[in-house]
Amino acid sequence: MPDGAPRETTIVHFRGGGFAPKPRPWASWLFFAALAALWQAASSAGLINSLFLPSPLRIAAALQEIIVNGELFRHLGASLFRIGVGWLIGSIGGIILGGAIGLSSLGRSAGLPFISALFPVPKIALLPLLILWLGIGEASKIATIALGVFFPMAISTYAGVDSVPRNLIRMAQSFDIPVHAIVRNVIIPATMPSILSGCRISASIALILVVAAEMIGANVGIGAYLLTAGNLMQTDQLMAAIVAISVLGLMIGALISWLERVLLRWR
């Protein structure tokens, strides 16, 4: 190309996106709307037996009915109380043990075998034993939820503490910063993402366990309502309760996402 001639410029788009997810909220709504429309069309055409799988319109009508008569809030209120207390007890215990395993050699030697031995045990299988110990009331159900929450929280906290960059800790120690200040200013902020991930997992486990525990030994609760509706073959009300549980799970997930945005602004 002769000197002074204009040079052609080629625009090269940046390709290093790193597989960063792009929010597309319309996709989920479109998927669920298409699924519900297909389901309703199959039910209206008689391809699906309404006794075994009610149509979305029947489920919506049943959901409206149990909302208006107050049954849904009565049962959900009892379940939420059990979830809240059990989750709080299990989370506090799990964070304490996970932190001790991550920070202490003695805690790691004693705690890891304990978790490895008991974590695989299905917690709902312990409910009959807990009923013998604590009675048929609220304590046995709350203890079942707390045990189910305890182990994933302990593992998440331990993994978070163990993954803190050691250079940060050594740098703080080189300035003779006290241990409690290192834990508060270095380890806890770096561990918070893992703790919140554990909260997301343990909240789902708590929801599953409360339904199972209420099916075994409760008169009030969303699990007891599911069992009663199933025994009476009221599948529309049963599916309405399942929809309510799904919405509750979405609300809990949204709450944890909000906590992540608030507590992890530094990332």
C-alpha atoms as a PDB file:
ATOM      1  CA  MET A   1       0.000   0.000   0.000  1.00  0.00           C
ATOM      2  CA  PRO A   2       1.525   3.335  -0.997  1.00  0.00           C
ATOM      3  CA  ASP A   3       2.441   5.806   1.711  1.00  0.00           C
ATOM      4  CA  GLY A   4      -0.298   8.268   2.535  1.00  0.00           C
ATOM      5  CA  ALA A   5      -3.081   6.042   1.194  1.00  0.00           C
ATOM      6  CA  PRO A   6      -6.030   5.513   3.553  1.00  0.00           C
ATOM      7  CA  ARG A   7      -5.857   2.266   5.474  1.00  0.00           C
ATOM      8  CA  GLU A   8      -8.850   0.007   5.807  1.00  0.00           C
ATOM      9  CA  THR A   9      -9.892  -0.632   9.389  1.00  0.00           C
ATOM     10  CA  THR A  10     -11.453  -3.887  10.458  1.00  0.00           C
ATOM     11  CA  ILE A  11     -13.587  -3.994  13.581  1.00  0.00           C
ATOM     12  CA  VAL A  12     -12.905  -7.127  15.612  1.00  0.00           C
ATOM     13  CA  HIS A  13     -15.541  -7.874  18.203  1.00  0.00           C
ATOM     14  CA  PHE A  14     -14.396  -8.889  21.665  1.00  0.00           C
ATOM     15  CA  ARG A  15     -14.778 -12.632  22.018  1.00  0.00           C
ATOM     16  CA  GLY A  16     -13.656 -13.070  25.621  1.00  0.00           C
ATOM     17  CA  GLY A  17     -17.072 -13.100  27.226  1.00  0.00           C
ATOM     18  CA  GLY A  18     -16.085 -15.936  29.520  1.00  0.00           C
ATOM     19  CA  PHE A  19     -19.485 -17.625  29.125  1.00  0.00           C
ATOM     20  CA  ALA A  20     -21.015 -14.864  31.247  1.00  0.00           C
ATOM     21  CA  PRO A  21     -24.774 -15.486  31.541  1.00  0.00           C
ATOM     22  CA  LYS A  22     -27.095 -12.841  30.133  1.00  0.00           C
ATOM     23  CA  PRO A  23     -30.421 -12.345  31.927  1.00  0.00           C
ATOM     24  CA  ARG A  24     -33.365 -13.300  29.741  1.00  0.00           C
ATOM     25  CA  PRO A  25     -36.397 -13.318  32.065  1.00  0.00           C
ATOM     26  CA  TRP A  26     -38.812 -13.535  29.146  1.00  0.00           C
ATOM     27  CA  ALA A  27     -37.480 -17.009  28.241  1.00  0.00           C
ATOM     28  CA  SER A  28     -38.690 -18.634  31.474  1.00  0.00           C
ATOM     29  CA  TRP A  29     -42.125 -17.014  31.255  1.00  0.00           C
ATOM     30  CA  LEU A  30     -42.432 -18.024  27.612  1.00  0.00           C
ATOM     31  CA  PHE A  31     -41.433 -21.608  28.393  1.00  0.00           C
ATOM     32  CA  PHE A  32     -43.945 -21.966  31.238  1.00  0.00           C
ATOM     33  CA  ALA A  33     -46.709 -20.324  29.190  1.00  0.00           C
ATOM     34  CA  ALA A  34     -46.098 -22.689  26.268  1.00  0.00           C
ATOM     35  CA  LEU A  35     -46.018 -25.695  28.602  1.00  0.00           C
ATOM     36  CA  ALA A  36     -49.270 -24.648  30.316  1.00  0.00           C
ATOM     37  CA  ALA A  37     -50.979 -24.001  26.955  1.00  0.00           C
ATOM     38  CA  LEU A  38     -49.926 -27.428  25.653  1.00  0.00           C
ATOM     39  CA  TRP A  39     -51.069 -29.073  28.880  1.00  0.00           C
ATOM     40  CA  GLN A  40     -54.443 -27.302  28.772  1.00  0.00           C
ATOM     41  CA  ALA A  41     -54.966 -28.204  25.117  1.00  0.00           C
ATOM     42  CA  ALA A  42     -54.225 -31.876  25.806  1.00  0.00           C
ATOM     43  CA  SER A  43     -56.628 -31.885  28.761  1.00  0.00           C
ATOM     44  CA  SER A  44     -59.394 -30.167  26.766  1.00  0.00           C
ATOM     45  CA  ALA A  45     -58.957 -32.704  23.958  1.00  0.00           C
ATOM     46  CA  GLY A  46     -59.366 -35.580  26.414  1.00  0.00           C
ATOM     47  CA  LEU A  47     -55.837 -36.868  25.948  1.00  0.00           C
ATOM     48  CA  ILE A  48     -55.118 -36.516  29.688  1.00  0.00           C
ATOM     49  CA  ASN A  49     -57.375 -37.993  32.357  1.00  0.00           C
ATOM     50  CA  SER A  50     -58.363 -35.118  34.645  1.00  0.00           C
ATOM     51  CA  LEU A  51     -58.561 -37.470  37.638  1.00  0.00           C
ATOM     52  CA  PHE A  52     -54.851 -38.273  37.405  1.00  0.00           C
ATOM     53  CA  LEU A  53     -53.632 -34.910  36.082  1.00  0.00           C
ATOM     54  CA  PRO A  54     -56.032 -31.945  36.268  1.00  0.00           C
ATOM     55  CA  SER A  55     -55.803 -29.167  33.716  1.00  0.00           C
ATOM     56  CA  PRO A  56     -54.050 -25.883  34.592  1.00  0.00           C
ATOM     57  CA  LEU A  57     -57.425 -24.109  34.743  1.00  0.00           C
ATOM     58  CA  ARG A  58     -58.754 -26.610  37.297  1.00  0.00           C
ATOM     59  CA  ILE A  59     -55.578 -26.295  39.325  1.00  0.00           C
ATOM     60  CA  ALA A  60     -55.857 -22.489  39.248  1.00  0.00           C
ATOM     61  CA  ALA A  61     -59.483 -22.708  40.393  1.00  0.00           C
ATOM     62  CA  ALA A  62     -58.530 -25.057  43.247  1.00  0.00           C
ATOM     63  CA  LEU A  63     -55.658 -22.772  44.248  1.00  0.00           C
ATOM     64  CA  GLN A  64     -58.013 -19.800  44.327  1.00  0.00           C
ATOM     65  CA  GLU A  65     -60.456 -21.784  46.455  1.00  0.00           C
ATOM     66  CA  ILE A  66     -57.934 -22.742  49.140  1.00  0.00           C
ATOM     67  CA  ILE A  67     -56.602 -19.184  49.185  1.00  0.00           C
ATOM     68  CA  VAL A  68     -60.081 -17.696  49.671  1.00  0.00           C
ATOM     69  CA  ASN A  69     -61.128 -20.127  52.401  1.00  0.00           C
ATOM     70  CA  GLY A  70     -57.809 -19.649  54.217  1.00  0.00           C
ATOM     71  CA  GLU A  71     -56.712 -23.294  54.121  1.00  0.00           C
ATOM     72  CA  LEU A  72     -53.513 -22.551  52.198  1.00  0.00           C
ATOM     73  CA  PHE A  73     -52.293 -19.889  54.630  1.00  0.00           C
ATOM     74  CA  ARG A  74     -53.166 -22.033  57.658  1.00  0.00           C
ATOM     75  CA  HIS A  75     -51.091 -24.953  56.417  1.00  0.00           C
ATOM     76  CA  LEU A  76     -48.280 -22.839  54.946  1.00  0.00           C
ATOM     77  CA  GLY A  77     -48.026 -20.844  58.169  1.00  0.00           C
ATOM     78  CA  ALA A  78     -47.393 -24.005  60.195  1.00  0.00           C
ATOM     79  CA  SER A  79     -44.834 -25.246  57.654  1.00  0.00           C
ATOM     80  CA  LEU A  80     -43.027 -21.918  57.500  1.00  0.00           C
ATOM     81  CA  PHE A  81     -42.704 -21.827  61.289  1.00  0.00           C
ATOM     82  CA  ARG A  82     -41.099 -25.271  61.284  1.00  0.00           C
ATOM     83  CA  ILE A  83     -38.827 -24.388  58.377  1.00  0.00           C
ATOM     84  CA  GLY A  84     -37.760 -21.093  59.942  1.00  0.00           C
ATOM     85  CA  VAL A  85     -36.879 -22.501  63.370  1.00  0.00           C
ATOM     86  CA  GLY A  86     -35.264 -25.683  62.036  1.00  0.00           C
ATOM     87  CA  TRP A  87     -33.293 -23.834  59.361  1.00  0.00           C
ATOM     88  CA  LEU A  88     -32.025 -21.264  61.869  1.00  0.00           C
ATOM     89  CA  ILE A  89     -30.860 -23.900  64.357  1.00  0.00           C
ATOM     90  CA  GLY A  90     -29.251 -26.070  61.691  1.00  0.00           C
ATOM     91  CA  SER A  91     -27.563 -23.138  59.944  1.00  0.00           C
ATOM     92  CA  ILE A  92     -26.038 -21.725  63.120  1.00  0.00           C
ATOM     93  CA  GLY A  93     -24.725 -25.139  64.156  1.00  0.00           C
ATOM     94  CA  GLY A  94     -23.420 -25.895  60.664  1.00  0.00           C
ATOM     95  CA  ILE A  95     -21.618 -22.562  60.338  1.00  0.00           C
ATOM     96  CA  ILE A  96     -19.994 -22.991  63.750  1.00  0.00           C
ATOM     97  CA  LEU A  97     -18.813 -26.528  63.022  1.00  0.00           C
ATOM     98  CA  GLY A  98     -17.748 -25.713  59.447  1.00  0.00           C
ATOM     99  CA  GLY A  99     -15.773 -22.717  60.679  1.00  0.00           C
ATOM    100  CA  ALA A 100     -14.118 -24.805  63.389  1.00  0.00           C
ATOM    101  CA  ILE A 101     -13.143 -27.479  60.856  1.00  0.00           C
ATOM    102  CA  GLY A 102     -11.698 -24.864  58.520  1.00  0.00           C
ATOM    103  CA  LEU A 103      -9.792 -22.908  61.169  1.00  0.00           C
ATOM    104  CA  SER A 104      -8.649 -25.578  63.623  1.00  0.00           C
ATOM    105  CA  SER A 105      -6.561 -28.687  63.022  1.00  0.00           C
ATOM    106  CA  LEU A 106      -8.229 -30.353  66.010  1.00  0.00           C
ATOM    107  CA  GLY A 107     -11.661 -29.380  64.707  1.00  0.00           C
ATOM    108  CA  ARG A 108     -10.803 -30.789  61.284  1.00  0.00           C
ATOM    109  CA  SER A 109      -9.558 -34.067  62.747  1.00  0.00           C
ATOM    110  CA  ALA A 110     -12.704 -34.516  64.834  1.00  0.00           C
ATOM    111  CA  GLY A 111     -15.312 -32.905  62.603  1.00  0.00           C
ATOM    112  CA  LEU A 112     -14.615 -34.331  59.155  1.00  0.00           C
ATOM    113  CA  PRO A 113     -15.107 -37.992  60.153  1.00  0.00           C
ATOM    114  CA  PHE A 114     -18.284 -36.984  61.987  1.00  0.00           C
ATOM    115  CA  ILE A 115     -19.708 -35.308  58.884  1.00  0.00           C
ATOM    116  CA  SER A 116     -18.544 -38.088  56.567  1.00  0.00           C
ATOM    117  CA  ALA A 117     -20.237 -40.711  58.729  1.00  0.00           C
ATOM    118  CA  LEU A 118     -23.601 -38.989  59.277  1.00  0.00           C
ATOM    119  CA  PHE A 119     -24.136 -36.874  56.181  1.00  0.00           C
ATOM    120  CA  PRO A 120     -25.189 -39.802  53.917  1.00  0.00           C
ATOM    121  CA  VAL A 121     -27.902 -40.920  56.394  1.00  0.00           C
ATOM    122  CA  PRO A 122     -31.373 -39.871  55.100  1.00  0.00           C
ATOM    123  CA  LYS A 123     -32.588 -37.432  57.728  1.00  0.00           C
ATOM    124  CA  ILE A 124     -36.247 -38.338  57.263  1.00  0.00           C
ATOM    125  CA  ALA A 125     -35.298 -41.906  58.287  1.00  0.00           C
ATOM    126  CA  LEU A 126     -34.396 -40.489  61.712  1.00  0.00           C
ATOM    127  CA  LEU A 127     -37.869 -39.010  62.249  1.00  0.00           C
ATOM    128  CA  PRO A 128     -39.318 -42.103  63.999  1.00  0.00           C
ATOM    129  CA  LEU A 129     -36.354 -42.099  66.379  1.00  0.00           C
ATOM    130  CA  LEU A 130     -36.732 -38.364  66.971  1.00  0.00           C
ATOM    131  CA  ILE A 131     -40.433 -38.859  67.671  1.00  0.00           C
ATOM    132  CA  LEU A 132     -39.488 -41.419  70.350  1.00  0.00           C
ATOM    133  CA  TRP A 133     -37.040 -38.952  71.865  1.00  0.00           C
ATOM    134  CA  LEU A 134     -38.923 -35.664  71.469  1.00  0.00           C
ATOM    135  CA  GLY A 135     -42.552 -36.657  71.011  1.00  0.00           C
ATOM    136  CA  ILE A 136     -44.956 -36.310  68.118  1.00  0.00           C
ATOM    137  CA  GLY A 137     -45.158 -32.507  68.430  1.00  0.00           C
ATOM    138  CA  GLU A 138     -43.168 -29.707  66.838  1.00  0.00           C
ATOM    139  CA  ALA A 139     -39.793 -30.597  68.344  1.00  0.00           C
ATOM    140  CA  SER A 140     -39.277 -33.784  66.314  1.00  0.00           C
ATOM    141  CA  LYS A 141     -40.147 -32.082  63.007  1.00  0.00           C
ATOM    142  CA  ILE A 142     -37.933 -29.076  63.753  1.00  0.00           C
ATOM    143  CA  ALA A 143     -35.077 -31.399  64.752  1.00  0.00           C
ATOM    144  CA  THR A 144     -35.425 -33.306  61.461  1.00  0.00           C
ATOM    145  CA  ILE A 145     -35.198 -30.059  59.485  1.00  0.00           C
ATOM    146  CA  ALA A 146     -32.277 -28.818  61.592  1.00  0.00           C
ATOM    147  CA  LEU A 147     -30.339 -32.036  60.967  1.00  0.00           C
ATOM    148  CA  GLY A 148     -31.011 -31.820  57.231  1.00  0.00           C
ATOM    149  CA  VAL A 149     -29.794 -28.208  57.128  1.00  0.00           C
ATOM    150  CA  PHE A 150     -26.822 -28.707  59.461  1.00  0.00           C
ATOM    151  CA  PHE A 151     -24.633 -30.858  57.216  1.00  0.00           C
ATOM    152  CA  PRO A 152     -24.762 -28.877  53.930  1.00  0.00           C
ATOM    153  CA  MET A 153     -24.163 -25.668  55.870  1.00  0.00           C
ATOM    154  CA  ALA A 154     -21.176 -27.200  57.666  1.00  0.00           C
ATOM    155  CA  ILE A 155     -19.694 -28.485  54.406  1.00  0.00           C
ATOM    156  CA  SER A 156     -20.257 -25.174  52.579  1.00  0.00           C
ATOM    157  CA  THR A 157     -18.712 -23.165  55.417  1.00  0.00           C
ATOM    158  CA  TYR A 158     -15.718 -25.479  55.678  1.00  0.00           C
ATOM    159  CA  ALA A 159     -15.174 -25.333  51.898  1.00  0.00           C
ATOM    160  CA  GLY A 160     -15.395 -21.545  51.987  1.00  0.00           C
ATOM    161  CA  VAL A 161     -12.887 -21.203  54.819  1.00  0.00           C
ATOM    162  CA  ASP A 162     -10.540 -23.706  53.214  1.00  0.00           C
ATOM    163  CA  SER A 163     -10.578 -21.795  49.919  1.00  0.00           C
ATOM    164  CA  VAL A 164      -9.569 -18.431  51.425  1.00  0.00           C
ATOM    165  CA  PRO A 165      -6.253 -17.405  49.802  1.00  0.00           C
ATOM    166  CA  ARG A 166      -3.520 -18.142  52.305  1.00  0.00           C
ATOM    167  CA  ASN A 167      -1.511 -15.151  51.102  1.00  0.00           C
ATOM    168  CA  LEU A 168      -4.172 -12.831  52.518  1.00  0.00           C
ATOM    169  CA  ILE A 169      -4.015 -14.556  55.891  1.00  0.00           C
ATOM    170  CA  ARG A 170      -0.195 -14.537  55.932  1.00  0.00           C
ATOM    171  CA  MET A 171      -0.165 -10.852  55.020  1.00  0.00           C
ATOM    172  CA  ALA A 172      -2.507 -10.031  57.889  1.00  0.00           C
ATOM    173  CA  GLN A 173      -0.421 -12.139  60.277  1.00  0.00           C
ATOM    174  CA  SER A 174       2.744 -10.373  59.154  1.00  0.00           C
ATOM    175  CA  PHE A 175       1.233  -7.081  60.377  1.00  0.00           C
ATOM    176  CA  ASP A 176       0.554  -8.731  63.760  1.00  0.00           C
ATOM    177  CA  ILE A 177      -3.222  -8.413  63.365  1.00  0.00           C
ATOM    178  CA  PRO A 178      -5.142 -10.351  66.063  1.00  0.00           C
ATOM    179  CA  VAL A 179      -6.766 -13.630  65.112  1.00  0.00           C
ATOM    180  CA  HIS A 180     -10.299 -12.386  65.744  1.00  0.00           C
ATOM    181  CA  ALA A 181      -9.679  -9.408  63.444  1.00  0.00           C
ATOM    182  CA  ILE A 182      -8.359 -11.704  60.701  1.00  0.00           C
ATOM    183  CA  VAL A 183     -11.454 -13.874  61.024  1.00  0.00           C
ATOM    184  CA  ARG A 184     -13.784 -10.870  60.948  1.00  0.00           C
ATOM    185  CA  ASN A 185     -12.123  -8.871  58.167  1.00  0.00           C
ATOM    186  CA  VAL A 186     -10.560 -11.551  55.946  1.00  0.00           C
ATOM    187  CA  ILE A 187     -12.042 -14.997  56.447  1.00  0.00           C
ATOM    188  CA  ILE A 188     -15.735 -14.166  56.939  1.00  0.00           C
ATOM    189  CA  PRO A 189     -16.040 -11.909  53.854  1.00  0.00           C
ATOM    190  CA  ALA A 190     -14.185 -14.453  51.714  1.00  0.00           C
ATOM    191  CA  THR A 191     -16.345 -17.297  53.055  1.00  0.00           C
ATOM    192  CA  MET A 192     -19.668 -15.488  52.607  1.00  0.00           C
ATOM    193  CA  PRO A 193     -20.281 -16.657  48.996  1.00  0.00           C
ATOM    194  CA  SER A 194     -19.953 -20.286  50.086  1.00  0.00           C
ATOM    195  CA  ILE A 195     -22.207 -19.720  53.095  1.00  0.00           C
ATOM    196  CA  LEU A 196     -24.902 -18.177  50.910  1.00  0.00           C
ATOM    197  CA  SER A 197     -24.612 -21.065  48.462  1.00  0.00           C
ATOM    198  CA  GLY A 198     -25.107 -23.393  51.410  1.00  0.00           C
ATOM    199  CA  CYS A 199     -28.162 -21.355  52.413  1.00  0.00           C
ATOM    200  CA  ARG A 200     -29.658 -21.849  48.955  1.00  0.00           C
ATOM    201  CA  ILE A 201     -29.117 -25.619  49.100  1.00  0.00           C
ATOM    202  CA  SER A 202     -30.208 -26.034  52.716  1.00  0.00           C
ATOM    203  CA  ALA A 203     -33.394 -23.997  52.181  1.00  0.00           C
ATOM    204  CA  SER A 204     -34.483 -26.445  49.488  1.00  0.00           C
ATOM    205  CA  ILE A 205     -33.616 -29.377  51.748  1.00  0.00           C
ATOM    206  CA  ALA A 206     -35.638 -27.813  54.581  1.00  0.00           C
ATOM    207  CA  LEU A 207     -38.657 -27.445  52.304  1.00  0.00           C
ATOM    208  CA  ILE A 208     -38.409 -31.086  51.208  1.00  0.00           C
ATOM    209  CA  LEU A 209     -37.988 -32.357  54.772  1.00  0.00           C
ATOM    210  CA  VAL A 210     -40.883 -30.370  56.218  1.00  0.00           C
ATOM    211  CA  VAL A 211     -43.252 -31.838  53.624  1.00  0.00           C
ATOM    212  CA  ALA A 212     -42.016 -35.370  54.323  1.00  0.00           C
ATOM    213  CA  ALA A 213     -42.120 -34.912  58.112  1.00  0.00           C
ATOM    214  CA  GLU A 214     -45.653 -33.484  58.018  1.00  0.00           C
ATOM    215  CA  MET A 215     -46.840 -36.420  55.928  1.00  0.00           C
ATOM    216  CA  ILE A 216     -45.677 -38.800  58.646  1.00  0.00           C
ATOM    217  CA  GLY A 217     -46.862 -37.066  61.799  1.00  0.00           C
ATOM    218  CA  ALA A 218     -48.818 -33.818  61.523  1.00  0.00           C
ATOM    219  CA  ASN A 219     -52.399 -32.622  61.300  1.00  0.00           C
ATOM    220  CA  VAL A 220     -51.530 -29.141  60.053  1.00  0.00           C
ATOM    221  CA  GLY A 221     -48.932 -28.253  57.434  1.00  0.00           C
ATOM    222  CA  ILE A 222     -48.558 -28.320  53.700  1.00  0.00           C
ATOM    223  CA  GLY A 223     -47.331 -31.926  53.823  1.00  0.00           C
ATOM    224  CA  ALA A 224     -50.379 -33.017  55.836  1.00  0.00           C
ATOM    225  CA  TYR A 225     -52.598 -31.198  53.359  1.00  0.00           C
ATOM    226  CA  LEU A 226     -50.926 -32.992  50.441  1.00  0.00           C
ATOM    227  CA  LEU A 227     -51.423 -36.363  52.119  1.00  0.00           C
ATOM    228  CA  THR A 228     -55.106 -35.670  52.860  1.00  0.00           C
ATOM    229  CA  ALA A 229     -55.810 -34.453  49.332  1.00  0.00           C
ATOM    230  CA  GLY A 230     -54.083 -37.502  47.884  1.00  0.00           C
ATOM    231  CA  ASN A 231     -56.032 -39.914  50.092  1.00  0.00           C
ATOM    232  CA  LEU A 232     -59.311 -38.283  49.024  1.00  0.00           C
ATOM    233  CA  MET A 233     -58.251 -38.293  45.338  1.00  0.00           C
ATOM    234  CA  GLN A 234     -58.634 -34.508  45.216  1.00  0.00           C
ATOM    235  CA  THR A 235     -55.886 -34.179  42.655  1.00  0.00           C
ATOM    236  CA  ASP A 236     -56.758 -30.600  41.735  1.00  0.00           C
ATOM    237  CA  GLN A 237     -56.187 -29.478  45.337  1.00  0.00           C
ATOM    238  CA  LEU A 238     -53.111 -31.675  45.577  1.00  0.00           C
ATOM    239  CA  MET A 239     -51.620 -30.012  42.479  1.00  0.00           C
ATOM    240  CA  ALA A 240     -52.629 -26.592  43.811  1.00  0.00           C
ATOM    241  CA  ALA A 241     -50.633 -27.293  46.973  1.00  0.00           C
ATOM    242  CA  ILE A 242     -47.665 -28.406  44.853  1.00  0.00           C
ATOM    243  CA  VAL A 243     -47.876 -25.138  42.913  1.00  0.00           C
ATOM    244  CA  ALA A 244     -47.892 -23.250  46.235  1.00  0.00           C
ATOM    245  CA  ILE A 245     -44.763 -25.126  47.346  1.00  0.00           C
ATOM    246  CA  SER A 246     -43.059 -24.266  44.044  1.00  0.00           C
ATOM    247  CA  VAL A 247     -43.937 -20.591  44.446  1.00  0.00           C
ATOM    248  CA  LEU A 248     -42.636 -20.686  48.017  1.00  0.00           C
ATOM    249  CA  GLY A 249     -39.360 -22.163  46.758  1.00  0.00           C
ATOM    250  CA  LEU A 250     -39.078 -19.402  44.163  1.00  0.00           C
ATOM    251  CA  MET A 251     -39.677 -16.763  46.842  1.00  0.00           C
ATOM    252  CA  ILE A 252     -36.997 -18.264  49.084  1.00  0.00           C
ATOM    253  CA  GLY A 253     -34.567 -18.343  46.147  1.00  0.00           C
ATOM    254  CA  ALA A 254     -35.350 -14.696  45.341  1.00  0.00           C
ATOM    255  CA  LEU A 255     -34.719 -13.736  48.974  1.00  0.00           C
ATOM    256  CA  ILE A 256     -31.319 -15.454  48.960  1.00  0.00           C
ATOM    257  CA  SER A 257     -30.453 -13.784  45.635  1.00  0.00           C
ATOM    258  CA  TRP A 258     -31.272 -10.419  47.221  1.00  0.00           C
ATOM    259  CA  LEU A 259     -29.031 -11.254  50.186  1.00  0.00           C
ATOM    260  CA  GLU A 260     -26.225 -12.127  47.771  1.00  0.00           C
ATOM    261  CA  ARG A 261     -26.561  -8.753  46.056  1.00  0.00           C
ATOM    262  CA  VAL A 262     -26.544  -6.931  49.404  1.00  0.00           C
ATOM    263  CA  LEU A 263     -23.787  -8.863  51.186  1.00  0.00           C
ATOM    264  CA  LEU A 264     -21.504  -9.461  48.202  1.00  0.00           C
ATOM    265  CA  ARG A 265     -21.306  -5.974  46.738  1.00  0.00           C
ATOM    266  CA  TRP A 266     -17.533  -6.087  47.056  1.00  0.00           C
ATOM    267  CA  ARG A 267     -17.224  -8.787  44.380  1.00  0.00           C
END
